[in-house]
Amino acid sequence: MNRMTTMTGWRSLIFLIVPFWLIIILGALPFSAAYGEEKGIEVLTLEDALRIAAEKNRDILKALEYRNLVEAIYVTERAATLPQIILSTYINFGKDESQRAFGSNSPIGRNTRSAEVGLSQALFTWGQVGAAIRAAKVGMATADDQLRIFRQAAARDVSASFYDTLLAKELRTIAKQNVEQKIRHYDEAQKKYAIGVATDYDVLSAKVDVENAQPPTIQAENLIRISRETLRLLLGTPADEVDVMGTLDIKILPYPKYPEAEEMAKQSRPELSDLRHRIQVAEELIKIANAGDKPRLDLKATYGWRNFDLGHDFRETGQAWSAGLFVTYPIFDGLRTRGQVAQVKSHLADLKIDESKLLGAIRLEVRNAVNAVIEAGEIIKALSETVGRAEHLLGMAEKGYEYGVKTKLEVDDAELNVVQAKANLARAKRNYLVARVTYEYATGTLGKKEEKH
């Protein structure tokens, strides 16, 4: 009897010590993580993240460089309308022994010096130069379209990653609250065991519940790290780590309507604007190619100084100039021009087919975005009071279990309902926020206010 009493005492002591160490370990883990994250972390709001992405996202930087390239092309094409001025000078020494046959006084050496300024100006090119300049100018508009495409894509991806990180933090909070709840039940089971109103099974079951509640916390911590690394990659920031600051609290806005959304997308999507500008460029390229076998008129003029030294007192120095109009007409070019025109026309037809395909894809994308906003909003409305009810039921179940009128199974079910309700509501809020961003992207209005500024 004394031996059984001693074993029971030791067992009670062990059960009392274990939760003490569990609390210390669980409390130390978040502290350690937070302490380790303090170094080199850049904590951002959503506005901060979008601002950094607009400045440092690598796709946006590539789009800016593409715009520089197109501007250079425009300058190159515009050069054809401006006069070309060339300064040239040369010194030439020569000797011809065959000139002795004409007599001893015939010069056999020739030295020539010259310095000239030449001018060349295209006067008429059958529309080729004008079309090239217009095409280059429209090309600059396509560069702006490309920049908008990448800016909107970056804003969409950064926003989604930001909300993913907030969701992961919310899930970690829910998991920790669940662990704390399990520890409280474990403590209660030990107290009941100590006064003889609970069995070993009750204590062991509560201990297993505490241990089973640990993996969701670990998974949530890892999900936070993954989300933060994804966000850091999208931002292109040099910071060692980034973290987010904010909440998933939202206000349900009036649901968008599909016809208005589709019309907005047709007017605002940068992909459509880019494709239409490319169609304009192709139309100008047809004019350029078509002028390949047409006549052109150029003005050419030179002015300078020349010196001839033929030896034997044959020397002369003076001004020299020339000016003339030159007409060139490639009468037959082996059908090269006809082939080039056919190629550009085929490219134009291909672009128009792409425009039709893109319009269909945008219609589907807009419809899916509208449906996603409505779905997420309705789920939030359905779950808005569920968490409170689930927590109220859990309190009733715990109080009933304390007085012996409820079973542990009923308490476990109530706890599970609370965890699921909180997690479902957090996911629904995240989904709604991402759905709103996706809707703005689908309609081409994402970040439009910032672009105006």
Protein backbone atom coordinates (compact mmCIF):
# COMPACT_ATOMS: atom_id res chain seq x y z
CA MET A 1 0.00 0.00 0.00
CA ASN A 2 2.84 2.36 0.90
CA ARG A 3 4.57 1.41 -2.36
CA MET A 4 1.47 2.24 -4.37
CA THR A 5 1.10 5.53 -2.52
CA THR A 6 4.75 6.39 -3.22
CA MET A 7 4.39 5.57 -6.95
CA THR A 8 1.24 7.64 -7.12
CA GLY A 9 3.07 10.54 -5.47
CA TRP A 10 5.99 10.36 -7.88
CA ARG A 11 3.62 10.11 -10.83
CA SER A 12 1.73 13.18 -9.64
CA LEU A 13 5.01 15.05 -9.21
CA ILE A 14 6.10 14.12 -12.76
CA PHE A 15 2.78 15.25 -14.22
CA LEU A 16 3.12 18.54 -12.37
CA ILE A 17 6.71 19.10 -13.57
CA VAL A 18 6.12 18.24 -17.24
CA PRO A 19 3.71 21.09 -18.03
CA PHE A 20 6.08 23.50 -16.31
CA TRP A 21 8.87 22.56 -18.76
CA LEU A 22 6.44 22.54 -21.70
CA ILE A 23 5.41 26.09 -20.90
CA ILE A 24 9.05 27.17 -20.66
CA ILE A 25 9.93 25.52 -24.01
CA LEU A 26 6.87 26.84 -25.82
CA GLY A 27 7.46 30.31 -24.44
CA ALA A 28 11.13 30.25 -25.35
CA LEU A 29 10.56 29.21 -28.97
CA PRO A 30 8.76 32.39 -30.05
CA PHE A 31 11.18 34.48 -27.99
CA SER A 32 14.17 32.82 -29.64
CA ALA A 33 12.66 33.20 -33.07
CA ALA A 34 11.88 36.85 -32.46
CA TYR A 35 15.34 37.46 -31.01
CA GLY A 36 16.97 35.81 -34.02
CA GLU A 37 14.82 37.79 -36.45
CA GLU A 38 15.69 41.19 -35.04
CA LYS A 39 18.94 41.36 -36.98
CA GLY A 40 18.72 42.54 -40.57
CA ILE A 41 14.92 42.48 -40.80
CA GLU A 42 13.02 45.14 -42.71
CA VAL A 43 9.45 45.37 -41.40
CA LEU A 44 7.05 46.62 -44.07
CA THR A 45 3.48 47.73 -44.47
CA LEU A 46 1.71 46.91 -47.72
CA GLU A 47 2.33 50.45 -48.97
CA ASP A 48 6.04 50.10 -48.19
CA ALA A 49 6.21 46.78 -50.03
CA LEU A 50 4.49 48.17 -53.13
CA ARG A 51 6.77 51.21 -53.14
CA ILE A 52 9.92 49.10 -52.89
CA ALA A 53 8.67 46.76 -55.62
CA ALA A 54 8.03 49.71 -57.94
CA GLU A 55 11.65 50.78 -57.44
CA LYS A 56 13.56 47.50 -57.22
CA ASN A 57 11.52 44.67 -58.74
CA ARG A 58 13.74 43.12 -61.41
CA ASP A 59 11.01 42.77 -64.02
CA ILE A 60 10.19 46.46 -63.65
CA LEU A 61 13.88 47.34 -64.00
CA LYS A 62 14.01 45.29 -67.22
CA ALA A 63 10.96 47.15 -68.54
CA LEU A 64 12.67 50.47 -67.80
CA GLU A 65 15.74 49.35 -69.72
CA TYR A 66 13.50 48.29 -72.62
CA ARG A 67 12.09 51.81 -72.68
CA ASN A 68 15.62 53.20 -72.92
CA LEU A 69 16.24 50.87 -75.89
CA VAL A 70 13.09 52.04 -77.69
CA GLU A 71 14.00 55.69 -77.13
CA ALA A 72 17.39 54.99 -78.71
CA ILE A 73 15.67 53.37 -81.71
CA TYR A 74 13.46 56.44 -82.10
CA VAL A 75 16.50 58.73 -82.11
CA THR A 76 18.13 56.49 -84.72
CA GLU A 77 15.13 56.56 -87.04
CA ARG A 78 14.63 60.30 -86.64
CA ALA A 79 18.21 60.85 -87.82
CA ALA A 80 17.10 60.00 -91.37
CA THR A 81 15.13 63.28 -91.57
CA LEU A 82 18.05 65.43 -90.46
CA PRO A 83 20.91 66.54 -92.70
CA GLN A 84 24.06 64.45 -92.49
CA ILE A 85 27.23 66.59 -92.35
CA ILE A 86 30.63 64.98 -92.85
CA LEU A 87 34.05 66.58 -92.58
CA SER A 88 36.76 64.83 -94.60
CA THR A 89 40.40 65.55 -95.38
CA TYR A 90 43.08 63.59 -97.14
CA ILE A 91 46.67 63.76 -98.49
CA ASN A 92 47.59 61.64 -101.46
CA PHE A 93 51.14 61.06 -102.86
CA GLY A 94 51.69 59.34 -106.22
CA LYS A 95 54.27 58.82 -108.94
CA ASP A 96 53.86 57.64 -112.54
CA GLU A 97 57.12 56.92 -114.48
CA SER A 98 55.18 56.28 -117.68
CA GLN A 99 54.68 60.02 -117.99
CA ARG A 100 58.35 60.33 -119.21
CA ALA A 101 57.23 59.11 -122.60
CA PHE A 102 55.56 62.48 -123.12
CA GLY A 103 58.79 64.41 -122.60
CA SER A 104 61.27 65.27 -119.94
CA ASN A 105 59.13 68.12 -118.71
CA SER A 106 56.11 65.95 -118.12
CA PRO A 107 55.35 65.59 -114.39
CA ILE A 108 55.80 62.09 -113.06
CA GLY A 109 54.73 62.80 -109.46
CA ARG A 110 51.35 63.85 -108.12
CA ASN A 111 50.60 65.13 -104.61
CA THR A 112 47.04 66.03 -103.67
CA ARG A 113 45.68 67.62 -100.48
CA SER A 114 42.06 68.25 -99.71
CA ALA A 115 39.74 69.35 -96.88
CA GLU A 116 35.97 69.28 -97.50
CA VAL A 117 32.64 69.48 -95.75
CA GLY A 118 29.91 67.29 -97.21
CA LEU A 119 26.16 67.51 -96.73
CA SER A 120 23.53 64.92 -97.55
CA GLN A 121 19.79 65.36 -97.09
CA ALA A 122 16.97 63.01 -98.06
CA LEU A 123 14.25 65.04 -99.80
CA PHE A 124 11.78 62.36 -100.86
CA THR A 125 11.74 58.66 -99.85
CA TRP A 126 8.20 57.64 -100.86
CA GLY A 127 7.06 57.81 -97.20
CA GLN A 128 9.76 55.44 -95.94
CA VAL A 129 11.41 57.85 -93.49
CA GLY A 130 8.13 59.21 -92.14
CA ALA A 131 6.77 55.72 -91.57
CA ALA A 132 9.96 54.69 -89.76
CA ILE A 133 9.69 57.69 -87.41
CA ARG A 134 6.02 57.02 -86.68
CA ALA A 135 6.77 53.36 -86.01
CA ALA A 136 9.55 54.29 -83.61
CA LYS A 137 7.26 56.77 -81.81
CA VAL A 138 4.56 54.12 -81.43
CA GLY A 139 7.28 51.77 -80.21
CA MET A 140 7.87 54.17 -77.32
CA ALA A 141 4.20 53.73 -76.41
CA THR A 142 4.68 49.95 -76.36
CA ALA A 143 7.57 50.46 -73.93
CA ASP A 144 5.20 52.35 -71.61
CA ASP A 145 2.71 49.49 -71.98
CA GLN A 146 5.37 46.96 -71.04
CA LEU A 147 6.26 49.01 -67.97
CA ARG A 148 2.61 49.08 -66.88
CA ILE A 149 2.29 45.33 -67.45
CA PHE A 150 5.22 44.53 -65.19
CA ARG A 151 4.24 47.11 -62.57
CA GLN A 152 0.74 45.68 -62.27
CA ALA A 153 2.01 42.10 -62.19
CA ALA A 154 4.52 43.01 -59.48
CA ALA A 155 1.83 44.79 -57.44
CA ARG A 156 -0.46 41.76 -57.73
CA ASP A 157 2.22 39.25 -56.73
CA VAL A 158 3.61 41.40 -53.90
CA SER A 159 0.13 41.99 -52.47
CA ALA A 160 -0.71 38.28 -52.58
CA SER A 161 2.60 37.37 -50.92
CA PHE A 162 2.03 40.06 -48.28
CA TYR A 163 -1.42 38.67 -47.45
CA ASP A 164 -0.02 35.12 -47.45
CA THR A 165 2.44 36.17 -44.76
CA LEU A 166 -0.32 37.77 -42.70
CA LEU A 167 -2.37 34.58 -43.04
CA ALA A 168 0.57 32.43 -41.94
CA LYS A 169 0.99 34.62 -38.85
CA GLU A 170 -2.71 34.34 -38.10
CA LEU A 171 -2.56 30.56 -38.41
CA ARG A 172 0.44 30.53 -36.06
CA THR A 173 -1.55 32.54 -33.51
CA ILE A 174 -4.47 30.12 -33.80
CA ALA A 175 -2.12 27.14 -33.40
CA LYS A 176 -0.49 28.68 -30.32
CA GLN A 177 -3.86 29.43 -28.77
CA ASN A 178 -4.82 25.82 -29.36
CA VAL A 179 -1.61 24.62 -27.65
CA GLU A 180 -2.27 26.89 -24.69
CA GLN A 181 -5.80 25.52 -24.47
CA LYS A 182 -4.49 21.96 -24.50
CA ILE A 183 -1.99 22.81 -21.74
CA ARG A 184 -4.79 24.22 -19.60
CA HIS A 185 -6.74 21.00 -20.07
CA TYR A 186 -3.63 19.03 -19.17
CA ASP A 187 -3.21 21.07 -16.00
CA GLU A 188 -6.85 20.51 -15.13
CA ALA A 189 -6.50 16.77 -15.70
CA GLN A 190 -3.50 16.66 -13.36
CA LYS A 191 -5.35 18.56 -10.66
CA LYS A 192 -8.26 16.14 -10.89
CA TYR A 193 -5.88 13.22 -10.86
CA ALA A 194 -4.19 14.59 -7.73
CA ILE A 195 -7.51 14.68 -5.83
CA GLY A 196 -8.56 11.31 -7.20
CA VAL A 197 -11.37 12.32 -9.57
CA ALA A 198 -9.44 11.54 -12.80
CA THR A 199 -7.56 8.50 -14.04
CA ASP A 200 -4.16 7.93 -15.60
CA TYR A 201 -5.93 7.67 -18.92
CA ASP A 202 -7.33 11.20 -18.63
CA VAL A 203 -3.91 12.67 -17.86
CA LEU A 204 -2.15 10.70 -20.59
CA SER A 205 -4.84 11.64 -23.11
CA ALA A 206 -4.45 15.32 -22.25
CA LYS A 207 -0.67 15.02 -22.61
CA VAL A 208 -1.07 13.45 -26.06
CA ASP A 209 -3.39 16.31 -27.04
CA VAL A 210 -0.66 18.81 -26.08
CA GLU A 211 1.91 16.97 -28.18
CA ASN A 212 -0.43 16.64 -31.17
CA ALA A 213 -1.04 20.38 -31.08
CA GLN A 214 2.65 21.11 -31.70
CA PRO A 215 2.97 20.26 -35.47
CA PRO A 216 0.51 22.98 -36.65
CA THR A 217 2.59 25.57 -34.79
CA ILE A 218 5.81 24.34 -36.41
CA GLN A 219 4.14 24.23 -39.84
CA ALA A 220 2.85 27.77 -39.41
CA GLU A 221 6.34 29.00 -38.49
CA ASN A 222 7.76 27.40 -41.63
CA LEU A 223 4.93 28.86 -43.73
CA ILE A 224 5.83 32.31 -42.40
CA ARG A 225 9.47 31.83 -43.43
CA ILE A 226 8.46 30.66 -46.92
CA SER A 227 6.06 33.58 -47.42
CA ARG A 228 8.62 36.11 -46.25
CA GLU A 229 11.31 34.72 -48.55
CA THR A 230 8.88 34.82 -51.47
CA LEU A 231 8.06 38.44 -50.68
CA ARG A 232 11.75 39.35 -50.42
CA LEU A 233 12.41 37.82 -53.84
CA LEU A 234 9.53 39.75 -55.42
CA LEU A 235 10.68 43.01 -53.87
CA GLY A 236 14.28 42.63 -55.00
CA THR A 237 15.38 44.30 -51.78
CA PRO A 238 18.95 43.85 -50.50
CA ALA A 239 17.68 43.30 -46.93
CA ASP A 240 18.63 39.96 -45.37
CA GLU A 241 15.02 39.37 -44.35
CA VAL A 242 11.69 41.12 -44.59
CA ASP A 243 8.65 40.97 -42.37
CA VAL A 244 5.17 42.39 -42.68
CA MET A 245 3.03 44.55 -40.44
CA GLY A 246 -0.74 44.67 -40.74
CA THR A 247 -3.94 42.72 -40.23
CA LEU A 248 -6.42 40.76 -42.29
CA ASP A 249 -9.31 42.91 -41.11
CA ILE A 250 -11.41 43.88 -44.12
CA LYS A 251 -14.59 45.63 -45.11
CA ILE A 252 -16.78 43.93 -47.69
CA LEU A 253 -17.25 46.33 -50.59
CA PRO A 254 -20.16 46.19 -53.06
CA TYR A 255 -19.57 43.32 -55.45
CA PRO A 256 -18.37 44.27 -58.95
CA LYS A 257 -20.61 43.64 -61.95
CA TYR A 258 -19.30 41.69 -64.89
CA PRO A 259 -20.36 43.92 -67.85
CA GLU A 260 -18.79 47.02 -66.30
CA ALA A 261 -15.67 45.05 -65.36
CA GLU A 262 -15.27 43.70 -68.90
CA GLU A 263 -15.62 47.15 -70.45
CA MET A 264 -13.10 48.53 -67.97
CA ALA A 265 -10.64 45.77 -68.90
CA LYS A 266 -11.01 46.53 -72.62
CA GLN A 267 -10.11 50.15 -71.96
CA SER A 268 -7.41 49.70 -69.32
CA ARG A 269 -5.55 46.41 -69.76
CA PRO A 270 -1.96 47.29 -70.73
CA GLU A 271 -1.60 43.99 -72.63
CA LEU A 272 -4.34 45.07 -75.04
CA SER A 273 -2.83 48.52 -75.40
CA ASP A 274 0.57 46.97 -76.10
CA LEU A 275 -0.84 44.66 -78.77
CA ARG A 276 -2.76 47.47 -80.48
CA HIS A 277 0.38 49.59 -80.57
CA ARG A 278 2.26 46.69 -82.12
CA ILE A 279 -0.44 46.48 -84.79
CA GLN A 280 0.16 50.16 -85.58
CA VAL A 281 3.90 49.51 -85.85
CA ALA A 282 3.24 46.62 -88.27
CA GLU A 283 1.09 48.90 -90.45
CA GLU A 284 3.94 51.40 -90.65
CA LEU A 285 6.40 48.62 -91.45
CA ILE A 286 4.26 47.72 -94.49
CA LYS A 287 4.73 51.28 -95.79
CA ILE A 288 8.47 51.05 -95.18
CA ALA A 289 8.79 47.72 -96.97
CA ASN A 290 6.57 48.88 -99.84
CA ALA A 291 8.90 51.83 -100.53
CA GLY A 292 11.83 49.49 -101.19
CA ASP A 293 11.36 49.51 -105.00
CA LYS A 294 10.21 53.14 -105.31
CA PRO A 295 12.33 56.14 -106.39
CA ARG A 296 13.91 58.48 -103.87
CA LEU A 297 15.46 61.96 -104.14
CA ASP A 298 18.53 63.15 -102.21
CA LEU A 299 20.43 66.42 -102.04
CA LYS A 300 24.22 66.14 -101.82
CA ALA A 301 26.73 68.99 -101.64
CA THR A 302 30.40 69.48 -100.79
CA TYR A 303 32.57 72.53 -100.14
CA GLY A 304 36.28 72.70 -99.36
CA TRP A 305 39.87 73.36 -100.32
CA ARG A 306 42.17 71.38 -102.62
CA ASN A 307 45.87 71.53 -103.51
CA PHE A 308 47.49 69.79 -106.49
CA ASP A 309 51.25 69.47 -106.78
CA LEU A 310 52.36 67.81 -110.01
CA GLY A 311 56.01 68.90 -109.87
CA HIS A 312 57.94 71.05 -112.38
CA ASP A 313 56.03 74.13 -111.24
CA PHE A 314 52.65 72.45 -111.85
CA ARG A 315 51.01 73.52 -108.58
CA GLU A 316 47.58 74.92 -107.89
CA THR A 317 45.51 75.64 -104.77
CA GLY A 318 41.87 76.74 -104.58
CA GLN A 319 38.33 76.27 -103.39
CA ALA A 320 36.15 73.41 -104.63
CA TRP A 321 32.44 72.82 -104.25
CA SER A 322 29.69 70.76 -105.80
CA ALA A 323 25.93 70.41 -105.34
CA GLY A 324 23.39 68.18 -106.97
CA LEU A 325 20.10 66.34 -106.78
CA PHE A 326 20.30 62.58 -107.07
CA VAL A 327 17.40 60.33 -108.02
CA THR A 328 17.70 56.58 -107.49
CA TYR A 329 15.10 54.15 -108.78
CA PRO A 330 15.60 50.41 -108.27
CA ILE A 331 13.71 49.23 -111.35
CA PHE A 332 14.06 45.54 -110.50
CA ASP A 333 15.29 44.20 -107.14
CA GLY A 334 14.69 40.51 -107.73
CA LEU A 335 11.21 40.72 -106.05
CA ARG A 336 12.87 41.37 -102.70
CA THR A 337 10.46 44.20 -101.87
CA ARG A 338 7.43 42.07 -102.70
CA GLY A 339 8.68 39.34 -100.36
CA GLN A 340 9.32 41.81 -97.53
CA VAL A 341 5.84 43.29 -97.88
CA ALA A 342 4.28 39.83 -97.76
CA GLN A 343 6.21 39.00 -94.58
CA VAL A 344 5.08 42.17 -92.78
CA LYS A 345 1.46 41.67 -93.87
CA SER A 346 1.55 38.14 -92.49
CA HIS A 347 2.95 39.48 -89.22
CA LEU A 348 0.13 42.06 -89.07
CA ALA A 349 -2.51 39.37 -89.58
CA ASP A 350 -0.88 37.29 -86.83
CA LEU A 351 -1.04 40.23 -84.42
CA LYS A 352 -4.74 40.75 -85.13
CA ILE A 353 -5.39 37.07 -84.36
CA ASP A 354 -3.47 37.51 -81.09
CA GLU A 355 -5.68 40.50 -80.26
CA SER A 356 -8.81 38.40 -80.70
CA LYS A 357 -7.34 35.61 -78.54
CA LEU A 358 -6.31 38.07 -75.84
CA LEU A 359 -9.80 39.60 -75.71
CA GLY A 360 -11.29 36.15 -75.11
CA ALA A 361 -8.74 35.35 -72.41
CA ILE A 362 -9.39 38.69 -70.67
CA ARG A 363 -13.15 38.08 -70.69
CA LEU A 364 -12.62 34.76 -68.93
CA GLU A 365 -10.09 36.25 -66.51
CA VAL A 366 -12.44 39.09 -65.57
CA ARG A 367 -15.39 36.72 -65.08
CA ASN A 368 -13.30 34.46 -62.82
CA ALA A 369 -12.03 37.47 -60.85
CA VAL A 370 -15.58 38.77 -60.27
CA ASN A 371 -16.74 35.31 -59.18
CA ALA A 372 -13.78 34.96 -56.80
CA VAL A 373 -14.61 38.29 -55.10
CA ILE A 374 -18.24 37.27 -54.65
CA GLU A 375 -17.29 33.81 -53.35
CA ALA A 376 -14.81 35.13 -50.80
CA GLY A 377 -17.20 37.85 -49.65
CA GLU A 378 -20.06 35.40 -49.15
CA ILE A 379 -17.83 33.02 -47.18
CA ILE A 380 -16.79 35.85 -44.85
CA LYS A 381 -20.44 36.79 -44.31
CA ALA A 382 -21.27 33.15 -43.55
CA LEU A 383 -18.40 32.83 -41.06
CA SER A 384 -18.61 36.28 -39.48
CA GLU A 385 -20.45 35.02 -36.37
CA THR A 386 -19.29 31.41 -36.42
CA VAL A 387 -16.12 32.04 -34.42
CA GLY A 388 -18.04 33.69 -31.59
CA ARG A 389 -20.58 30.89 -31.47
CA ALA A 390 -17.86 28.23 -31.52
CA GLU A 391 -15.99 29.91 -28.65
CA HIS A 392 -19.24 30.18 -26.68
CA LEU A 393 -19.90 26.45 -27.20
CA LEU A 394 -16.35 25.64 -26.10
CA GLY A 395 -16.82 27.61 -22.90
CA MET A 396 -20.06 25.74 -22.21
CA ALA A 397 -18.40 22.38 -22.90
CA GLU A 398 -15.43 23.15 -20.63
CA LYS A 399 -17.70 24.29 -17.82
CA GLY A 400 -19.85 21.20 -18.26
CA TYR A 401 -16.78 18.96 -18.25
CA GLU A 402 -15.61 20.67 -15.06
CA TYR A 403 -18.92 19.80 -13.37
CA GLY A 404 -18.95 16.31 -14.85
CA VAL A 405 -21.95 16.76 -17.17
CA LYS A 406 -19.92 16.86 -20.38
CA THR A 407 -17.48 14.32 -21.76
CA LYS A 408 -13.93 15.02 -22.94
CA LEU A 409 -15.00 14.05 -26.45
CA GLU A 410 -17.51 16.91 -26.44
CA VAL A 411 -14.81 19.32 -25.28
CA ASP A 412 -12.44 18.08 -28.02
CA ASP A 413 -15.14 18.56 -30.64
CA ALA A 414 -15.79 22.09 -29.42
CA GLU A 415 -12.07 22.91 -29.50
CA LEU A 416 -11.77 21.55 -33.02
CA ASN A 417 -14.72 23.67 -34.13
CA VAL A 418 -13.09 26.81 -32.73
CA VAL A 419 -9.78 26.11 -34.46
CA GLN A 420 -11.48 25.34 -37.77
CA ALA A 421 -13.75 28.39 -37.56
CA LYS A 422 -10.84 30.75 -36.85
CA ALA A 423 -8.66 29.23 -39.57
CA ASN A 424 -11.49 29.25 -42.13
CA LEU A 425 -12.30 32.89 -41.38
CA ALA A 426 -8.63 33.90 -41.65
CA ARG A 427 -8.31 32.11 -45.00
CA ALA A 428 -11.55 33.68 -46.23
CA LYS A 429 -10.25 37.17 -45.37
CA ARG A 430 -6.97 36.48 -47.12
CA ASN A 431 -8.83 35.10 -50.16
CA TYR A 432 -11.07 38.16 -50.30
CA LEU A 433 -8.13 40.57 -50.18
CA VAL A 434 -6.28 38.63 -52.88
CA ALA A 435 -9.47 38.37 -54.95
CA ARG A 436 -9.89 42.16 -54.84
CA VAL A 437 -6.29 42.65 -55.98
CA THR A 438 -6.74 40.05 -58.72
CA TYR A 439 -9.94 41.79 -59.85
CA GLU A 440 -8.12 45.12 -60.14
CA TYR A 441 -5.36 43.41 -62.09
CA ALA A 442 -7.87 41.72 -64.41
CA THR A 443 -9.55 45.05 -65.15
CA GLY A 444 -6.23 46.84 -65.62
CA THR A 445 -6.85 49.31 -62.78
CA LEU A 446 -4.35 47.99 -60.25
CA GLY A 447 -2.05 50.82 -59.16
CA LYS A 448 -3.58 53.22 -61.67
CA LYS A 449 -3.75 56.08 -59.15
CA GLU A 450 -0.05 55.67 -58.36
CA GLU A 451 0.79 55.67 -62.09
CA LYS A 452 -0.89 59.06 -62.53
CA HIS A 453 1.26 60.50 -59.80
